[in-house]
Amino acid sequence: MRDVLMFHRLRKFLKSRDLFRNWFSAGLKYVVAKYGFVQGDIDVVFRCGFRTRLNLSTYGFFVNGYSSGLLRLLSCSGGVWFRYGGDNKLVDLGFLGDGVFVFNYLGREIKLFLDDFPYFLHDIIFENFLGGAYNDLEVGNRIVVDIGAGVGDSAIYFVLRGAEKVIALEPYPLLYSIARRNIMLNGVGDRVVLLNAGLGSSDQYLCADYEAPSGYVLFRPSRECAAKVRIYSLDSLVKEFTLDKAILKIDCEGCEYDVFKKELDPEILRRFDQIIIEYHKGPEPIATILRKAGFEIKTSPIKSSNVSINKQGYIIALLK
């Protein structure tokens, strides 16, 4: 098993010859930096001539994507451009340097600073934007509450789809800071209220550090307390922002079960007439609570992966 792993790593290293002009020195810097012998970003020169610096995560994203065929180098024009995707799901993806990626949606250029999270791109593009995960929501001239804002991509999406205002909550301080940068980068700051906050079953403040989350994970309090993160109950959120006939989106990697672990006040739930919740351990008992509050329910699969709908998918709830 170890020999197979070493073979795959060597294959990626050699494949990077077709991606970078300085493939050997860049790959060597990646290895010694990954194991902590040196620090700092990696200077690279793409085959088409674009020079830039990459952090370890972004270097790994390019090498892994190129060696697997997900990324195909196209050209250099103000950055480096790839054809990204597979299985007939393709998009032109640009990298402008300084951690900023770019793609087009609805005739508009979307720029996303991703820092250590370039692997979020696949879900962002092929689930949220091109995949249409939230297309069932009619957000035009409406207020959208975005729970689990991540790097700000969903808030940007809702604004581009015509939302009057988006109230976006992201509990991880690092993701919150990236989301703030992306919202400003895309010129939608006047229509987004971004909060370093989360949603739970009760009102409280939790400690958080500035460490990067390891992928898509449920927010949990930290022993360190570099920041205090407010956790809203749904009742408090509705009352603080005087929500009525609003739209609710929840994608918080499991907090949905905490929010819906008890019978919520149906009147609070009915302040939203459209609700979409990504569930991670099956749709019950959330769907039952929503039905009792007067919502019609359907479920939809995750579009960017092959996970079973019995485990993970979307609850789409419309008030009758």
Protein backbone atom coordinates (compact mmCIF):
# COMPACT_ATOMS: atom_id res chain seq x y z
CA MET A 1 0.00 0.00 0.00
CA ARG A 2 2.82 2.37 0.86
CA ASP A 3 4.56 1.57 -2.45
CA VAL A 4 1.37 2.34 -4.35
CA LEU A 5 1.03 5.67 -2.55
CA MET A 6 4.63 6.57 -3.35
CA PHE A 7 4.06 5.64 -7.02
CA HIS A 8 1.05 7.97 -7.25
CA ARG A 9 2.99 10.81 -5.65
CA LEU A 10 5.88 10.29 -8.07
CA ARG A 11 3.45 10.21 -10.98
CA LYS A 12 1.95 13.56 -9.94
CA PHE A 13 5.41 15.03 -9.49
CA LEU A 14 6.46 13.97 -13.00
CA LYS A 15 3.14 15.04 -14.51
CA SER A 16 3.74 18.56 -13.18
CA ARG A 17 6.40 18.90 -15.90
CA ASP A 18 3.55 19.66 -18.31
CA LEU A 19 2.11 22.28 -15.94
CA PHE A 20 5.13 24.26 -14.74
CA ARG A 21 8.35 25.29 -16.42
CA ASN A 22 10.14 25.08 -13.05
CA TRP A 23 8.40 21.86 -12.09
CA PHE A 24 11.39 20.31 -10.29
CA SER A 25 12.26 23.24 -7.99
CA ALA A 26 8.57 23.94 -7.32
CA GLY A 27 7.87 20.31 -6.46
CA LEU A 28 10.91 20.10 -4.22
CA LYS A 29 9.86 23.26 -2.35
CA TYR A 30 6.37 21.79 -1.90
CA VAL A 31 7.71 18.58 -0.35
CA VAL A 32 10.12 20.22 2.09
CA ALA A 33 7.53 22.86 3.03
CA LYS A 34 4.79 20.28 3.55
CA TYR A 35 6.97 18.41 6.03
CA GLY A 36 7.86 21.62 7.87
CA PHE A 37 11.52 21.97 6.90
CA VAL A 38 10.95 25.39 5.31
CA GLN A 39 8.14 27.92 5.25
CA GLY A 40 6.75 30.18 2.60
CA ASP A 41 4.91 30.10 -0.70
CA ILE A 42 6.07 28.44 -3.90
CA ASP A 43 7.20 30.49 -6.91
CA VAL A 44 5.92 28.89 -10.11
CA VAL A 45 6.04 29.58 -13.84
CA PHE A 46 3.19 27.95 -15.72
CA ARG A 47 3.95 26.47 -19.14
CA CYS A 48 2.06 29.30 -20.82
CA GLY A 49 4.34 31.84 -19.11
CA PHE A 50 2.29 33.13 -16.16
CA ARG A 51 4.42 33.71 -13.08
CA THR A 52 2.93 33.73 -9.59
CA ARG A 53 3.25 32.48 -6.03
CA LEU A 54 1.12 29.65 -4.66
CA ASN A 55 0.50 28.56 -1.09
CA LEU A 56 0.73 24.83 -0.39
CA SER A 57 -3.01 24.24 -0.72
CA THR A 58 -3.27 25.98 -4.07
CA TYR A 59 -0.15 24.27 -5.44
CA GLY A 60 -1.65 20.93 -4.41
CA PHE A 61 -4.97 21.87 -6.01
CA PHE A 62 -3.30 22.55 -9.36
CA VAL A 63 -1.02 19.50 -9.35
CA ASN A 64 -3.75 17.08 -8.19
CA GLY A 65 -6.31 18.54 -10.59
CA TYR A 66 -3.95 18.48 -13.55
CA SER A 67 -2.68 14.95 -12.92
CA SER A 68 -6.27 13.64 -12.57
CA GLY A 69 -7.51 15.42 -15.71
CA LEU A 70 -9.88 17.80 -13.89
CA LEU A 71 -7.76 20.75 -14.99
CA ARG A 72 -6.57 21.27 -18.56
CA LEU A 73 -4.26 24.19 -19.19
CA LEU A 74 -5.62 26.60 -21.80
CA SER A 75 -3.77 29.91 -21.90
CA CYS A 76 -2.33 32.91 -20.10
CA SER A 77 -4.29 36.15 -20.37
CA GLY A 78 -4.10 38.33 -17.28
CA GLY A 79 -3.71 35.10 -15.32
CA VAL A 80 -3.70 31.40 -16.12
CA TRP A 81 -6.82 29.73 -17.57
CA PHE A 82 -7.99 26.14 -17.40
CA ARG A 83 -10.88 24.03 -18.60
CA TYR A 84 -12.12 22.65 -15.29
CA GLY A 85 -14.38 19.69 -14.60
CA GLY A 86 -15.34 16.32 -16.02
CA ASP A 87 -18.27 14.12 -17.07
CA ASN A 88 -19.66 16.88 -19.34
CA LYS A 89 -19.55 19.42 -16.48
CA LEU A 90 -16.99 21.92 -17.71
CA VAL A 91 -16.23 25.57 -17.03
CA ASP A 92 -13.41 27.93 -17.89
CA LEU A 93 -11.60 28.72 -14.65
CA GLY A 94 -9.01 31.45 -14.25
CA PHE A 95 -6.41 32.02 -11.56
CA LEU A 96 -5.34 35.65 -11.25
CA GLY A 97 -2.71 35.19 -8.54
CA ASP A 98 -2.85 36.17 -4.86
CA GLY A 99 -5.31 33.36 -4.18
CA VAL A 100 -8.04 34.72 -6.50
CA PHE A 101 -9.94 32.42 -8.87
CA VAL A 102 -12.46 33.60 -11.47
CA PHE A 103 -15.30 32.06 -13.51
CA ASN A 104 -18.39 33.35 -15.29
CA TYR A 105 -22.02 33.07 -14.16
CA LEU A 106 -25.05 34.73 -15.74
CA GLY A 107 -22.72 36.77 -17.92
CA ARG A 108 -20.84 38.12 -14.91
CA GLU A 109 -17.31 37.46 -13.77
CA ILE A 110 -17.24 35.93 -10.28
CA LYS A 111 -13.99 36.43 -8.36
CA LEU A 112 -13.27 34.35 -5.27
CA PHE A 113 -10.31 34.68 -2.94
CA LEU A 114 -9.91 31.19 -1.47
CA ASP A 115 -6.62 31.30 0.47
CA ASP A 116 -6.22 27.73 1.86
CA PHE A 117 -9.57 26.49 0.50
CA PRO A 118 -9.23 26.02 -3.29
CA TYR A 119 -10.84 22.59 -2.91
CA PHE A 120 -14.13 24.40 -2.11
CA LEU A 121 -14.25 25.41 -5.80
CA HIS A 122 -15.79 22.18 -7.06
CA ASP A 123 -18.86 22.46 -4.84
CA ILE A 124 -19.09 26.22 -5.29
CA ILE A 125 -19.17 25.95 -9.09
CA PHE A 126 -20.83 22.61 -9.79
CA GLU A 127 -23.25 22.59 -6.85
CA ASN A 128 -24.21 26.17 -6.02
CA PHE A 129 -23.73 28.13 -9.25
CA LEU A 130 -23.84 25.90 -12.34
CA GLY A 131 -25.42 23.01 -10.44
CA GLY A 132 -28.37 25.19 -9.40
CA ALA A 133 -28.65 23.83 -5.85
CA TYR A 134 -30.76 26.85 -4.84
CA ASN A 135 -32.65 27.39 -8.09
CA ASP A 136 -35.88 26.19 -6.44
CA LEU A 137 -35.89 29.39 -4.38
CA GLU A 138 -37.53 32.48 -5.85
CA VAL A 139 -35.29 35.12 -4.31
CA GLY A 140 -36.05 38.14 -6.49
CA ASN A 141 -36.59 41.27 -4.34
CA ARG A 142 -36.65 39.12 -1.20
CA ILE A 143 -34.63 38.91 2.03
CA VAL A 144 -32.55 35.73 2.21
CA VAL A 145 -31.06 34.41 5.46
CA ASP A 146 -27.92 32.46 4.57
CA ILE A 147 -26.83 30.13 7.38
CA GLY A 148 -23.37 28.72 6.70
CA ALA A 149 -22.08 31.44 4.39
CA GLY A 150 -18.67 29.79 4.00
CA VAL A 151 -16.40 31.92 1.83
CA GLY A 152 -19.32 34.14 0.82
CA ASP A 153 -20.16 32.38 -2.44
CA SER A 154 -23.81 31.67 -1.61
CA ALA A 155 -24.45 35.27 -0.52
CA ILE A 156 -22.97 36.46 -3.83
CA TYR A 157 -25.13 33.92 -5.67
CA PHE A 158 -28.35 35.14 -4.02
CA VAL A 159 -27.57 38.77 -4.81
CA LEU A 160 -26.88 37.92 -8.46
CA ARG A 161 -30.22 36.07 -8.55
CA GLY A 162 -31.96 39.29 -7.47
CA ALA A 163 -32.22 39.13 -3.67
CA GLU A 164 -32.96 42.50 -2.08
CA LYS A 165 -30.77 41.70 0.92
CA VAL A 166 -28.85 38.71 2.26
CA ILE A 167 -28.26 38.23 5.99
CA ALA A 168 -25.30 35.83 6.00
CA LEU A 169 -23.97 33.99 9.07
CA GLU A 170 -20.58 32.24 9.17
CA PRO A 171 -19.21 31.11 12.56
CA TYR A 172 -15.59 30.30 11.61
CA PRO A 173 -13.61 33.56 12.02
CA LEU A 174 -11.21 32.70 9.18
CA LEU A 175 -14.00 31.82 6.73
CA TYR A 176 -15.89 34.92 7.84
CA SER A 177 -12.88 37.12 6.98
CA ILE A 178 -12.55 35.44 3.57
CA ALA A 179 -16.29 35.85 2.94
CA ARG A 180 -16.05 39.55 3.77
CA ARG A 181 -13.24 39.96 1.25
CA ASN A 182 -15.16 38.09 -1.46
CA ILE A 183 -18.34 40.07 -0.91
CA MET A 184 -16.41 43.31 -1.40
CA LEU A 185 -14.41 41.84 -4.30
CA ASN A 186 -17.66 41.18 -6.17
CA GLY A 187 -19.24 44.56 -5.37
CA VAL A 188 -22.25 43.26 -3.43
CA GLY A 189 -21.40 44.67 0.01
CA ASP A 190 -24.34 47.07 -0.03
CA ARG A 191 -26.79 44.14 -0.18
CA VAL A 192 -25.16 41.70 2.23
CA VAL A 193 -25.17 41.84 6.05
CA LEU A 194 -22.34 39.47 7.00
CA LEU A 195 -22.10 38.26 10.61
CA ASN A 196 -19.42 36.20 12.34
CA ALA A 197 -22.18 34.09 13.88
CA GLY A 198 -23.96 30.76 13.70
CA LEU A 199 -27.35 29.17 14.32
CA GLY A 200 -28.27 26.78 17.10
CA SER A 201 -31.07 25.70 19.42
CA SER A 202 -30.39 28.49 21.94
CA ASP A 203 -28.77 31.90 22.23
CA GLN A 204 -25.18 31.83 23.44
CA TYR A 205 -21.63 32.99 22.74
CA LEU A 206 -18.93 30.42 21.97
CA CYS A 207 -15.15 30.70 21.85
CA ALA A 208 -13.39 30.26 18.52
CA ASP A 209 -9.81 30.36 17.26
CA TYR A 210 -8.48 31.51 13.90
CA GLU A 211 -7.32 28.10 12.74
CA ALA A 212 -8.61 26.93 9.36
CA PRO A 213 -11.35 24.29 9.53
CA SER A 214 -10.31 20.94 8.08
CA GLY A 215 -12.74 20.91 5.18
CA TYR A 216 -16.51 20.94 5.59
CA VAL A 217 -17.03 20.42 9.31
CA LEU A 218 -19.55 21.41 11.96
CA PHE A 219 -18.52 24.45 13.99
CA ARG A 220 -17.57 23.55 17.53
CA PRO A 221 -16.26 25.79 20.33
CA SER A 222 -12.52 26.03 20.89
CA ARG A 223 -10.54 25.94 24.13
CA GLU A 224 -8.74 29.01 22.84
CA CYS A 225 -10.80 32.16 22.71
CA ALA A 226 -9.34 34.38 20.00
CA ALA A 227 -12.91 35.42 19.14
CA LYS A 228 -16.36 35.21 20.66
CA VAL A 229 -18.91 33.94 18.16
CA ARG A 230 -22.59 34.60 18.67
CA ILE A 231 -24.94 31.66 18.18
CA TYR A 232 -28.50 32.74 17.40
CA SER A 233 -31.63 30.77 18.00
CA LEU A 234 -34.02 30.97 15.07
CA ASP A 235 -36.42 32.92 17.28
CA SER A 236 -33.78 35.57 18.10
CA LEU A 237 -32.71 35.86 14.47
CA VAL A 238 -36.28 36.46 13.33
CA LYS A 239 -36.92 39.06 16.00
CA GLU A 240 -33.61 40.94 15.68
CA PHE A 241 -33.98 41.42 11.93
CA THR A 242 -37.81 41.70 11.95
CA LEU A 243 -38.08 38.93 9.39
CA ASP A 244 -41.36 38.19 7.66
CA LYS A 245 -41.97 36.38 4.36
CA ALA A 246 -38.23 35.81 4.19
CA ILE A 247 -36.26 32.93 2.70
CA LEU A 248 -34.08 30.61 4.79
CA LYS A 249 -31.08 28.64 3.54
CA ILE A 250 -29.21 26.37 5.98
CA ASP A 251 -25.98 24.54 5.12
CA CYS A 252 -24.02 24.22 8.35
CA GLU A 253 -22.60 20.68 8.24
CA GLY A 254 -24.94 19.25 10.86
CA CYS A 255 -26.14 22.17 12.99
CA GLU A 256 -29.56 21.73 11.36
CA TYR A 257 -30.28 18.87 13.78
CA ASP A 258 -29.48 21.07 16.75
CA VAL A 259 -31.74 23.84 15.42
CA PHE A 260 -34.58 21.38 14.79
CA LYS A 261 -33.99 19.02 17.70
CA LYS A 262 -37.11 20.28 19.46
CA GLU A 263 -40.50 21.49 18.32
CA LEU A 264 -39.90 25.01 17.09
CA ASP A 265 -42.62 27.63 17.38
CA PRO A 266 -44.57 27.20 14.12
CA GLU A 267 -45.15 30.95 14.00
CA ILE A 268 -41.39 31.52 13.90
CA LEU A 269 -40.98 28.99 11.11
CA ARG A 270 -43.83 30.58 9.16
CA ARG A 271 -41.90 33.88 9.06
CA PHE A 272 -40.18 32.11 6.17
CA ASP A 273 -42.22 30.99 3.19
CA GLN A 274 -39.33 29.24 1.44
CA ILE A 275 -36.76 27.11 3.25
CA ILE A 276 -33.91 24.97 1.91
CA ILE A 277 -31.80 22.89 4.27
CA GLU A 278 -28.86 20.68 3.34
CA TYR A 279 -29.13 17.68 5.63
CA HIS A 280 -26.18 15.41 6.44
CA LYS A 281 -27.71 12.48 8.35
CA GLY A 282 -31.06 12.01 6.67
CA PRO A 283 -34.07 14.35 6.38
CA GLU A 284 -35.90 13.32 9.55
CA PRO A 285 -36.97 14.73 12.03
CA ILE A 286 -36.54 18.09 10.29
CA ALA A 287 -39.05 17.30 7.57
CA THR A 288 -41.65 16.22 10.16
CA ILE A 289 -41.34 19.50 12.09
CA LEU A 290 -41.69 21.53 8.90
CA ARG A 291 -44.77 19.59 7.79
CA LYS A 292 -46.43 20.20 11.15
CA ALA A 293 -45.76 23.92 10.69
CA GLY A 294 -47.63 23.91 7.39
CA PHE A 295 -44.91 23.40 4.79
CA GLU A 296 -44.98 21.20 1.73
CA ILE A 297 -41.78 19.14 1.60
CA LYS A 298 -39.68 17.60 -1.11
CA THR A 299 -36.11 16.33 -1.10
CA SER A 300 -33.41 16.76 -3.72
CA PRO A 301 -30.00 15.07 -4.12
CA ILE A 302 -26.57 16.65 -3.90
CA LYS A 303 -25.64 17.39 -7.50
CA SER A 304 -21.84 17.55 -7.26
CA SER A 305 -21.35 14.07 -5.72
CA ASN A 306 -22.87 10.59 -5.70
CA VAL A 307 -23.84 10.52 -2.01
CA SER A 308 -27.12 8.74 -1.23
CA ILE A 309 -30.15 11.01 -0.79
CA ASN A 310 -31.05 8.93 2.28
CA LYS A 311 -27.93 10.31 3.96
CA GLN A 312 -27.35 13.74 2.44
CA GLY A 313 -29.41 16.04 0.28
CA TYR A 314 -31.73 19.04 0.42
CA ILE A 315 -35.05 19.55 2.13
CA ILE A 316 -37.02 22.10 0.12
CA ALA A 317 -39.96 23.46 2.10
CA LEU A 318 -42.64 25.80 0.73
CA LEU A 319 -45.31 27.31 2.97
CA LYS A 320 -48.78 26.24 1.90
